[in-house]
Amino acid sequence: MDARSFEDFVVGDVYRSRVGRTISQADNTWFTLLTHNTNQIHFNAHYSAQSEFKKPLVNSFLTLALVTGLMTPDTNERGVALGIKDVTLPHPLFEGDTLYADTEVVEARESKSRPGWGIVTLKQRGFIQDGTVVLVMTRVVMVPKRATAGGAAFPEPRS
């Protein structure tokens, strides 16, 4: 399916990620260190073992980024992010968990300032292999209408 245009978003529609993503220790450590997060709960097993969680927690911003990425094919592959709000983390995510995501369209309106575009508000959740929800957030994206979508043509291979 081609990327959705604004006209394809209907309030109440729910989309599910097509794949899951198992979080590795390397994912968590690299993301945490690349973002200069010095909270040892994410990368120090000895430190984490002494916490109430007994093992490293996955960096919450990695969780947020992965839920966004898992849902991009269904939400804003050609769009532009406008904001994220109301982020909650009701349950910890751990290395070795497999993350899945879903999205509900909660509002869709034409842009007042950019003709040819629409503003879509999405409630997104991340959940793990047993269904436990680990992230809930509201994202607002700007998505082109069909007539505006365009984009770069996919290259044709040469022999």
N, C-alpha and C. Protein backbone atom coordinates (compact mmCIF):
# COMPACT_ATOMS: atom_id res chain seq x y z
N MET A 1 0.84 -1.18 0.00
CA MET A 1 0.00 0.00 0.00
C MET A 1 0.88 1.24 0.00
N ASP A 2 0.50 2.23 -0.78
CA ASP A 2 1.21 3.50 -0.76
C ASP A 2 0.98 4.18 0.58
N ALA A 3 1.85 5.13 0.89
CA ALA A 3 1.70 5.88 2.13
C ALA A 3 0.35 6.58 2.16
N ARG A 4 -0.23 6.66 3.34
CA ARG A 4 -1.54 7.30 3.47
C ARG A 4 -1.46 8.80 3.19
N SER A 5 -2.50 9.28 2.56
CA SER A 5 -2.71 10.72 2.38
C SER A 5 -3.73 11.15 3.42
N PHE A 6 -3.88 12.46 3.58
CA PHE A 6 -4.79 12.98 4.59
C PHE A 6 -6.20 12.39 4.46
N GLU A 7 -6.66 12.24 3.23
CA GLU A 7 -8.02 11.74 3.01
C GLU A 7 -8.23 10.31 3.51
N ASP A 8 -7.15 9.58 3.74
CA ASP A 8 -7.24 8.18 4.19
C ASP A 8 -7.45 8.05 5.69
N PHE A 9 -7.32 9.12 6.44
CA PHE A 9 -7.46 9.05 7.90
C PHE A 9 -8.90 9.28 8.31
N VAL A 10 -9.48 8.30 9.00
CA VAL A 10 -10.86 8.38 9.48
C VAL A 10 -10.84 8.24 11.00
N VAL A 11 -11.47 9.19 11.67
CA VAL A 11 -11.53 9.15 13.13
C VAL A 11 -12.12 7.81 13.56
N GLY A 12 -11.43 7.17 14.51
CA GLY A 12 -11.84 5.87 15.02
C GLY A 12 -11.10 4.71 14.40
N ASP A 13 -10.46 4.92 13.24
CA ASP A 13 -9.67 3.84 12.64
C ASP A 13 -8.51 3.47 13.55
N VAL A 14 -8.18 2.19 13.59
CA VAL A 14 -7.06 1.69 14.38
C VAL A 14 -6.13 0.93 13.45
N TYR A 15 -4.84 1.21 13.55
CA TYR A 15 -3.81 0.53 12.77
C TYR A 15 -2.89 -0.20 13.74
N ARG A 16 -2.39 -1.34 13.32
CA ARG A 16 -1.45 -2.13 14.12
C ARG A 16 -0.13 -2.25 13.38
N SER A 17 0.95 -2.21 14.12
CA SER A 17 2.27 -2.38 13.49
C SER A 17 2.32 -3.73 12.78
N ARG A 18 2.97 -3.74 11.64
CA ARG A 18 3.07 -4.97 10.85
C ARG A 18 4.11 -5.93 11.41
N VAL A 19 5.04 -5.40 12.16
CA VAL A 19 6.12 -6.21 12.74
C VAL A 19 6.30 -5.83 14.20
N GLY A 20 7.03 -6.66 14.92
CA GLY A 20 7.45 -6.35 16.28
C GLY A 20 8.95 -6.11 16.27
N ARG A 21 9.47 -5.58 17.37
CA ARG A 21 10.91 -5.30 17.46
C ARG A 21 11.40 -5.74 18.82
N THR A 22 12.24 -6.79 18.84
CA THR A 22 12.83 -7.25 20.09
C THR A 22 13.99 -6.32 20.44
N ILE A 23 13.97 -5.84 21.68
CA ILE A 23 14.96 -4.88 22.14
C ILE A 23 16.17 -5.62 22.68
N SER A 24 17.33 -5.30 22.15
CA SER A 24 18.57 -5.94 22.61
C SER A 24 19.29 -5.04 23.61
N GLN A 25 20.24 -5.64 24.29
CA GLN A 25 21.09 -4.86 25.20
C GLN A 25 21.85 -3.80 24.42
N ALA A 26 22.33 -4.15 23.24
CA ALA A 26 23.07 -3.19 22.41
C ALA A 26 22.19 -2.01 22.02
N ASP A 27 20.94 -2.28 21.64
CA ASP A 27 20.01 -1.19 21.29
C ASP A 27 19.91 -0.19 22.44
N ASN A 28 19.65 -0.72 23.62
CA ASN A 28 19.42 0.12 24.79
C ASN A 28 20.68 0.88 25.19
N THR A 29 21.81 0.18 25.24
CA THR A 29 23.07 0.82 25.63
C THR A 29 23.49 1.89 24.63
N TRP A 30 23.48 1.55 23.35
CA TRP A 30 23.90 2.51 22.33
C TRP A 30 23.00 3.74 22.33
N PHE A 31 21.70 3.55 22.35
CA PHE A 31 20.79 4.69 22.32
C PHE A 31 21.02 5.58 23.54
N THR A 32 21.14 4.96 24.70
CA THR A 32 21.33 5.72 25.93
C THR A 32 22.63 6.52 25.89
N LEU A 33 23.71 5.88 25.47
CA LEU A 33 25.00 6.57 25.44
C LEU A 33 25.08 7.60 24.31
N LEU A 34 24.47 7.30 23.15
CA LEU A 34 24.47 8.27 22.05
C LEU A 34 23.71 9.53 22.40
N THR A 35 22.72 9.42 23.28
CA THR A 35 21.93 10.59 23.68
C THR A 35 22.47 11.23 24.97
N HIS A 36 23.62 10.78 25.41
CA HIS A 36 24.30 11.34 26.60
C HIS A 36 23.48 11.22 27.87
N ASN A 37 22.68 10.19 27.95
CA ASN A 37 21.90 9.94 29.15
C ASN A 37 22.80 9.16 30.12
N THR A 38 23.09 9.75 31.25
CA THR A 38 24.03 9.13 32.20
C THR A 38 23.32 8.36 33.32
N ASN A 39 22.03 8.13 33.18
CA ASN A 39 21.31 7.35 34.19
C ASN A 39 21.70 5.88 34.04
N GLN A 40 22.40 5.35 35.03
CA GLN A 40 22.95 4.00 34.96
C GLN A 40 21.89 2.89 34.93
N ILE A 41 20.64 3.23 35.22
CA ILE A 41 19.58 2.22 35.18
C ILE A 41 19.43 1.62 33.78
N HIS A 42 19.97 2.32 32.76
CA HIS A 42 19.84 1.87 31.37
C HIS A 42 21.04 1.07 30.86
N PHE A 43 22.21 1.19 31.50
CA PHE A 43 23.40 0.56 30.91
C PHE A 43 24.34 -0.12 31.90
N ASN A 44 24.03 -0.11 33.17
CA ASN A 44 24.89 -0.71 34.17
C ASN A 44 24.13 -1.83 34.87
N ALA A 45 24.43 -3.08 34.48
CA ALA A 45 23.70 -4.23 35.02
C ALA A 45 23.86 -4.35 36.53
N HIS A 46 25.06 -4.07 37.05
CA HIS A 46 25.30 -4.14 38.49
C HIS A 46 24.45 -3.13 39.23
N TYR A 47 24.46 -1.91 38.75
CA TYR A 47 23.63 -0.85 39.35
C TYR A 47 22.14 -1.22 39.28
N SER A 48 21.70 -1.66 38.11
CA SER A 48 20.29 -1.99 37.89
C SER A 48 19.83 -3.15 38.77
N ALA A 49 20.72 -4.11 39.01
CA ALA A 49 20.38 -5.27 39.83
C ALA A 49 20.01 -4.86 41.25
N GLN A 50 20.48 -3.72 41.69
CA GLN A 50 20.19 -3.24 43.03
C GLN A 50 18.94 -2.36 43.08
N SER A 51 18.32 -2.13 41.92
CA SER A 51 17.10 -1.32 41.87
C SER A 51 15.88 -2.21 42.08
N GLU A 52 14.73 -1.62 42.18
CA GLU A 52 13.50 -2.39 42.32
C GLU A 52 13.21 -3.23 41.09
N PHE A 53 13.80 -2.89 39.95
CA PHE A 53 13.55 -3.61 38.70
C PHE A 53 14.47 -4.82 38.50
N LYS A 54 15.60 -4.83 39.19
CA LYS A 54 16.56 -5.94 39.20
C LYS A 54 17.31 -6.15 37.88
N LYS A 55 17.04 -5.31 36.87
CA LYS A 55 17.73 -5.40 35.58
C LYS A 55 17.57 -4.07 34.86
N PRO A 56 18.37 -3.82 33.83
CA PRO A 56 18.29 -2.53 33.14
C PRO A 56 16.92 -2.25 32.54
N LEU A 57 16.50 -1.02 32.64
CA LEU A 57 15.28 -0.54 31.98
C LEU A 57 15.65 -0.05 30.59
N VAL A 58 14.77 -0.27 29.64
CA VAL A 58 14.98 0.32 28.31
C VAL A 58 14.70 1.81 28.42
N ASN A 59 15.58 2.59 27.83
CA ASN A 59 15.45 4.04 27.81
C ASN A 59 14.08 4.42 27.26
N SER A 60 13.35 5.24 27.98
CA SER A 60 11.98 5.58 27.58
C SER A 60 11.94 6.32 26.25
N PHE A 61 12.99 7.08 25.93
CA PHE A 61 12.99 7.77 24.64
C PHE A 61 13.25 6.81 23.48
N LEU A 62 13.94 5.70 23.75
CA LEU A 62 14.06 4.65 22.75
C LEU A 62 12.70 4.01 22.52
N THR A 63 11.98 3.76 23.59
CA THR A 63 10.63 3.20 23.47
C THR A 63 9.75 4.12 22.62
N LEU A 64 9.77 5.40 22.92
CA LEU A 64 8.99 6.38 22.18
C LEU A 64 9.39 6.38 20.70
N ALA A 65 10.68 6.38 20.44
CA ALA A 65 11.17 6.41 19.05
C ALA A 65 10.77 5.14 18.30
N LEU A 66 10.84 3.99 18.96
CA LEU A 66 10.50 2.74 18.29
C LEU A 66 9.00 2.64 18.01
N VAL A 67 8.16 3.07 18.94
CA VAL A 67 6.72 3.06 18.68
C VAL A 67 6.42 3.98 17.49
N THR A 68 7.04 5.13 17.47
CA THR A 68 6.87 6.05 16.33
C THR A 68 7.30 5.36 15.04
N GLY A 69 8.46 4.73 15.06
CA GLY A 69 8.96 4.06 13.86
C GLY A 69 8.10 2.88 13.44
N LEU A 70 7.66 2.08 14.39
CA LEU A 70 6.81 0.94 14.05
C LEU A 70 5.52 1.38 13.37
N MET A 71 5.04 2.56 13.71
CA MET A 71 3.77 3.04 13.16
C MET A 71 3.93 3.97 11.96
N THR A 72 5.15 4.37 11.63
CA THR A 72 5.35 5.30 10.52
C THR A 72 4.74 4.84 9.20
N PRO A 73 4.85 3.57 8.81
CA PRO A 73 4.24 3.18 7.53
C PRO A 73 2.74 3.44 7.48
N ASP A 74 2.07 3.44 8.62
CA ASP A 74 0.62 3.64 8.66
C ASP A 74 0.20 5.07 8.99
N THR A 75 1.12 5.90 9.42
CA THR A 75 0.69 7.20 9.94
C THR A 75 1.29 8.40 9.22
N ASN A 76 2.58 8.45 9.09
CA ASN A 76 3.16 9.68 8.54
C ASN A 76 4.40 9.42 7.70
N GLU A 77 4.32 8.42 6.84
CA GLU A 77 5.47 8.12 6.00
C GLU A 77 5.83 9.30 5.09
N ARG A 78 4.85 10.09 4.72
CA ARG A 78 5.12 11.30 3.93
C ARG A 78 4.81 12.57 4.72
N GLY A 79 4.53 12.42 5.98
CA GLY A 79 4.11 13.56 6.77
C GLY A 79 5.23 14.20 7.55
N VAL A 80 4.83 15.12 8.39
CA VAL A 80 5.76 15.89 9.22
C VAL A 80 5.24 15.85 10.66
N ALA A 81 6.11 15.53 11.58
CA ALA A 81 5.72 15.52 13.00
C ALA A 81 5.54 16.95 13.49
N LEU A 82 4.44 17.19 14.19
CA LEU A 82 4.18 18.50 14.77
C LEU A 82 4.30 18.51 16.28
N GLY A 83 4.10 17.36 16.92
CA GLY A 83 4.22 17.35 18.36
C GLY A 83 3.88 16.00 18.97
N ILE A 84 4.33 15.84 20.19
CA ILE A 84 4.05 14.65 21.00
C ILE A 84 3.64 15.18 22.37
N LYS A 85 2.56 14.63 22.90
CA LYS A 85 2.11 15.09 24.22
C LYS A 85 1.49 13.93 24.98
N ASP A 86 1.24 14.17 26.23
CA ASP A 86 0.56 13.19 27.09
C ASP A 86 1.24 11.82 27.06
N VAL A 87 2.55 11.81 27.18
CA VAL A 87 3.30 10.55 27.18
C VAL A 87 3.24 9.94 28.57
N THR A 88 2.82 8.68 28.63
CA THR A 88 2.87 7.94 29.89
C THR A 88 3.56 6.61 29.65
N LEU A 89 4.20 6.11 30.69
CA LEU A 89 4.93 4.85 30.65
C LEU A 89 4.39 3.97 31.78
N PRO A 90 3.26 3.29 31.54
CA PRO A 90 2.59 2.58 32.62
C PRO A 90 3.29 1.31 33.11
N HIS A 91 4.24 0.79 32.34
CA HIS A 91 4.95 -0.43 32.73
C HIS A 91 6.35 -0.37 32.14
N PRO A 92 7.36 -0.86 32.84
CA PRO A 92 8.72 -0.81 32.29
C PRO A 92 8.89 -1.74 31.08
N LEU A 93 9.80 -1.36 30.21
CA LEU A 93 10.22 -2.18 29.08
C LEU A 93 11.64 -2.65 29.38
N PHE A 94 11.89 -3.94 29.14
CA PHE A 94 13.20 -4.51 29.46
C PHE A 94 13.85 -5.06 28.20
N GLU A 95 15.18 -5.14 28.25
CA GLU A 95 15.93 -5.78 27.18
C GLU A 95 15.40 -7.20 27.03
N GLY A 96 15.20 -7.64 25.79
CA GLY A 96 14.64 -8.96 25.51
C GLY A 96 13.15 -8.94 25.25
N ASP A 97 12.45 -7.86 25.66
CA ASP A 97 11.03 -7.74 25.34
C ASP A 97 10.87 -7.42 23.86
N THR A 98 9.75 -7.85 23.30
CA THR A 98 9.42 -7.52 21.92
C THR A 98 8.32 -6.47 21.94
N LEU A 99 8.59 -5.36 21.29
CA LEU A 99 7.69 -4.21 21.27
C LEU A 99 6.83 -4.23 20.02
N TYR A 100 5.54 -4.01 20.20
CA TYR A 100 4.57 -3.86 19.12
C TYR A 100 3.88 -2.51 19.34
N ALA A 101 3.08 -2.07 18.36
CA ALA A 101 2.42 -0.77 18.52
C ALA A 101 1.08 -0.76 17.80
N ASP A 102 0.22 0.12 18.28
CA ASP A 102 -1.01 0.41 17.55
C ASP A 102 -1.31 1.89 17.64
N THR A 103 -2.21 2.32 16.76
CA THR A 103 -2.55 3.73 16.64
C THR A 103 -4.03 3.88 16.40
N GLU A 104 -4.65 4.82 17.09
CA GLU A 104 -6.04 5.19 16.82
C GLU A 104 -6.08 6.62 16.33
N VAL A 105 -6.81 6.86 15.26
CA VAL A 105 -6.99 8.22 14.75
C VAL A 105 -8.05 8.89 15.63
N VAL A 106 -7.66 9.98 16.32
CA VAL A 106 -8.62 10.65 17.21
C VAL A 106 -9.13 11.97 16.65
N GLU A 107 -8.42 12.55 15.68
CA GLU A 107 -8.90 13.78 15.03
C GLU A 107 -8.19 13.91 13.70
N ALA A 108 -8.92 14.43 12.72
CA ALA A 108 -8.35 14.73 11.41
C ALA A 108 -9.03 15.98 10.88
N ARG A 109 -8.23 17.00 10.61
CA ARG A 109 -8.80 18.25 10.11
C ARG A 109 -7.87 18.86 9.07
N GLU A 110 -8.40 19.66 8.19
CA GLU A 110 -7.58 20.34 7.21
C GLU A 110 -6.72 21.39 7.90
N SER A 111 -5.53 21.59 7.40
CA SER A 111 -4.65 22.62 7.94
C SER A 111 -5.21 23.99 7.57
N LYS A 112 -5.22 24.89 8.54
CA LYS A 112 -5.69 26.25 8.28
C LYS A 112 -4.60 27.11 7.64
N SER A 113 -3.34 26.75 7.88
CA SER A 113 -2.25 27.58 7.38
C SER A 113 -1.53 27.01 6.16
N ARG A 114 -1.74 25.71 5.87
CA ARG A 114 -1.06 25.09 4.73
C ARG A 114 -2.07 24.38 3.84
N PRO A 115 -2.50 25.04 2.80
CA PRO A 115 -3.43 24.39 1.87
C PRO A 115 -2.79 23.12 1.31
N GLY A 116 -3.61 22.10 1.12
CA GLY A 116 -3.10 20.85 0.57
C GLY A 116 -2.59 19.89 1.63
N TRP A 117 -2.73 20.26 2.89
CA TRP A 117 -2.27 19.42 4.00
C TRP A 117 -3.37 19.27 5.03
N GLY A 118 -3.25 18.22 5.84
CA GLY A 118 -4.17 18.00 6.94
C GLY A 118 -3.42 17.74 8.23
N ILE A 119 -4.08 17.97 9.34
CA ILE A 119 -3.50 17.73 10.67
C ILE A 119 -4.22 16.53 11.26
N VAL A 120 -3.45 15.52 11.67
CA VAL A 120 -4.03 14.30 12.20
C VAL A 120 -3.50 14.09 13.62
N THR A 121 -4.40 13.84 14.56
CA THR A 121 -4.03 13.54 15.93
C THR A 121 -4.22 12.05 16.16
N LEU A 122 -3.18 11.43 16.71
CA LEU A 122 -3.12 9.98 16.86
C LEU A 122 -2.85 9.60 18.31
N LYS A 123 -3.58 8.62 18.82
CA LYS A 123 -3.24 8.03 20.11
C LYS A 123 -2.47 6.76 19.81
N GLN A 124 -1.24 6.69 20.28
CA GLN A 124 -0.39 5.54 19.98
C GLN A 124 0.00 4.82 21.26
N ARG A 125 0.05 3.48 21.15
CA ARG A 125 0.45 2.65 22.28
C ARG A 125 1.57 1.73 21.85
N GLY A 126 2.48 1.49 22.79
CA GLY A 126 3.47 0.44 22.64
C GLY A 126 3.13 -0.64 23.64
N PHE A 127 3.23 -1.90 23.21
CA PHE A 127 2.93 -3.00 24.12
C PHE A 127 3.87 -4.16 23.80
N ILE A 128 4.06 -5.02 24.78
CA ILE A 128 5.00 -6.12 24.62
C ILE A 128 4.28 -7.42 24.31
N GLN A 129 5.08 -8.48 24.18
CA GLN A 129 4.62 -9.79 23.71
C GLN A 129 3.43 -10.35 24.47
N ASP A 130 3.26 -9.99 25.72
CA ASP A 130 2.10 -10.52 26.48
C ASP A 130 0.93 -9.53 26.50
N GLY A 131 1.05 -8.44 25.75
CA GLY A 131 -0.02 -7.45 25.67
C GLY A 131 0.09 -6.31 26.65
N THR A 132 1.07 -6.35 27.55
CA THR A 132 1.24 -5.29 28.55
C THR A 132 1.62 -3.99 27.85
N VAL A 133 0.86 -2.93 28.13
CA VAL A 133 1.12 -1.62 27.54
C VAL A 133 2.29 -0.96 28.28
N VAL A 134 3.29 -0.51 27.52
CA VAL A 134 4.47 0.11 28.11
C VAL A 134 4.59 1.59 27.77
N LEU A 135 3.80 2.07 26.80
CA LEU A 135 3.84 3.48 26.43
C LEU A 135 2.50 3.87 25.83
N VAL A 136 2.02 5.05 26.22
CA VAL A 136 0.84 5.66 25.60
C VAL A 136 1.22 7.10 25.33
N MET A 137 0.91 7.58 24.11
CA MET A 137 1.21 8.97 23.78
C MET A 137 0.24 9.47 22.73
N THR A 138 0.15 10.77 22.63
CA THR A 138 -0.61 11.42 21.58
C THR A 138 0.38 12.12 20.67
N ARG A 139 0.29 11.81 19.37
CA ARG A 139 1.14 12.45 18.37
C ARG A 139 0.27 13.25 17.42
N VAL A 140 0.80 14.38 17.00
CA VAL A 140 0.12 15.21 16.00
C VAL A 140 1.05 15.30 14.80
N VAL A 141 0.51 14.95 13.63
CA VAL A 141 1.29 14.96 12.40
C VAL A 141 0.56 15.76 11.33
N MET A 142 1.34 16.32 10.42
CA MET A 142 0.79 17.01 9.26
C MET A 142 1.03 16.10 8.06
N VAL A 143 -0.04 15.79 7.34
CA VAL A 143 0.02 14.83 6.24
C VAL A 143 -0.51 15.48 4.97
N PRO A 144 0.16 15.26 3.84
CA PRO A 144 -0.33 15.87 2.61
C PRO A 144 -1.61 15.22 2.10
N LYS A 145 -2.41 16.03 1.42
CA LYS A 145 -3.56 15.49 0.69
C LYS A 145 -3.03 14.79 -0.56
N ARG A 146 -3.85 13.97 -1.17
CA ARG A 146 -3.43 13.22 -2.36
C ARG A 146 -2.86 14.13 -3.45
N ALA A 147 -3.52 15.25 -3.69
CA ALA A 147 -3.08 16.14 -4.76
C ALA A 147 -1.75 16.82 -4.46
N THR A 148 -1.37 16.84 -3.19
CA THR A 148 -0.13 17.51 -2.76
C THR A 148 1.01 16.52 -2.58
N ALA A 149 0.68 15.24 -2.37
CA ALA A 149 1.65 14.23 -1.93
C ALA A 149 2.93 14.17 -2.76
N GLY A 150 2.85 13.94 -4.03
CA GLY A 150 4.04 13.89 -4.87
C GLY A 150 5.16 13.08 -4.27
N GLY A 151 6.36 13.63 -4.30
CA GLY A 151 7.53 12.94 -3.74
C GLY A 151 8.46 12.48 -4.84
N ALA A 152 9.60 12.02 -4.45
CA ALA A 152 10.61 11.56 -5.40
C ALA A 152 10.17 10.24 -6.02
N ALA A 153 10.39 10.12 -7.32
CA ALA A 153 10.08 8.86 -8.00
C ALA A 153 11.07 7.79 -7.57
N PHE A 154 10.58 6.56 -7.46
CA PHE A 154 11.45 5.43 -7.12
C PHE A 154 12.33 5.14 -8.32
N PRO A 155 13.63 5.01 -8.12
CA PRO A 155 14.51 4.80 -9.29
C PRO A 155 14.28 3.42 -9.93
N GLU A 156 14.46 3.38 -11.22
CA GLU A 156 14.38 2.11 -11.96
C GLU A 156 15.77 1.52 -12.09
N PRO A 157 15.94 0.23 -11.86
CA PRO A 157 17.26 -0.37 -12.00
C PRO A 157 17.70 -0.40 -13.47
N ARG A 158 18.99 -0.22 -13.65
CA ARG A 158 19.56 -0.31 -15.00
C ARG A 158 20.32 -1.61 -15.12
N SER A 159 20.31 -2.16 -16.31
CA SER A 159 21.04 -3.43 -16.49
C SER A 159 22.47 -3.20 -16.89
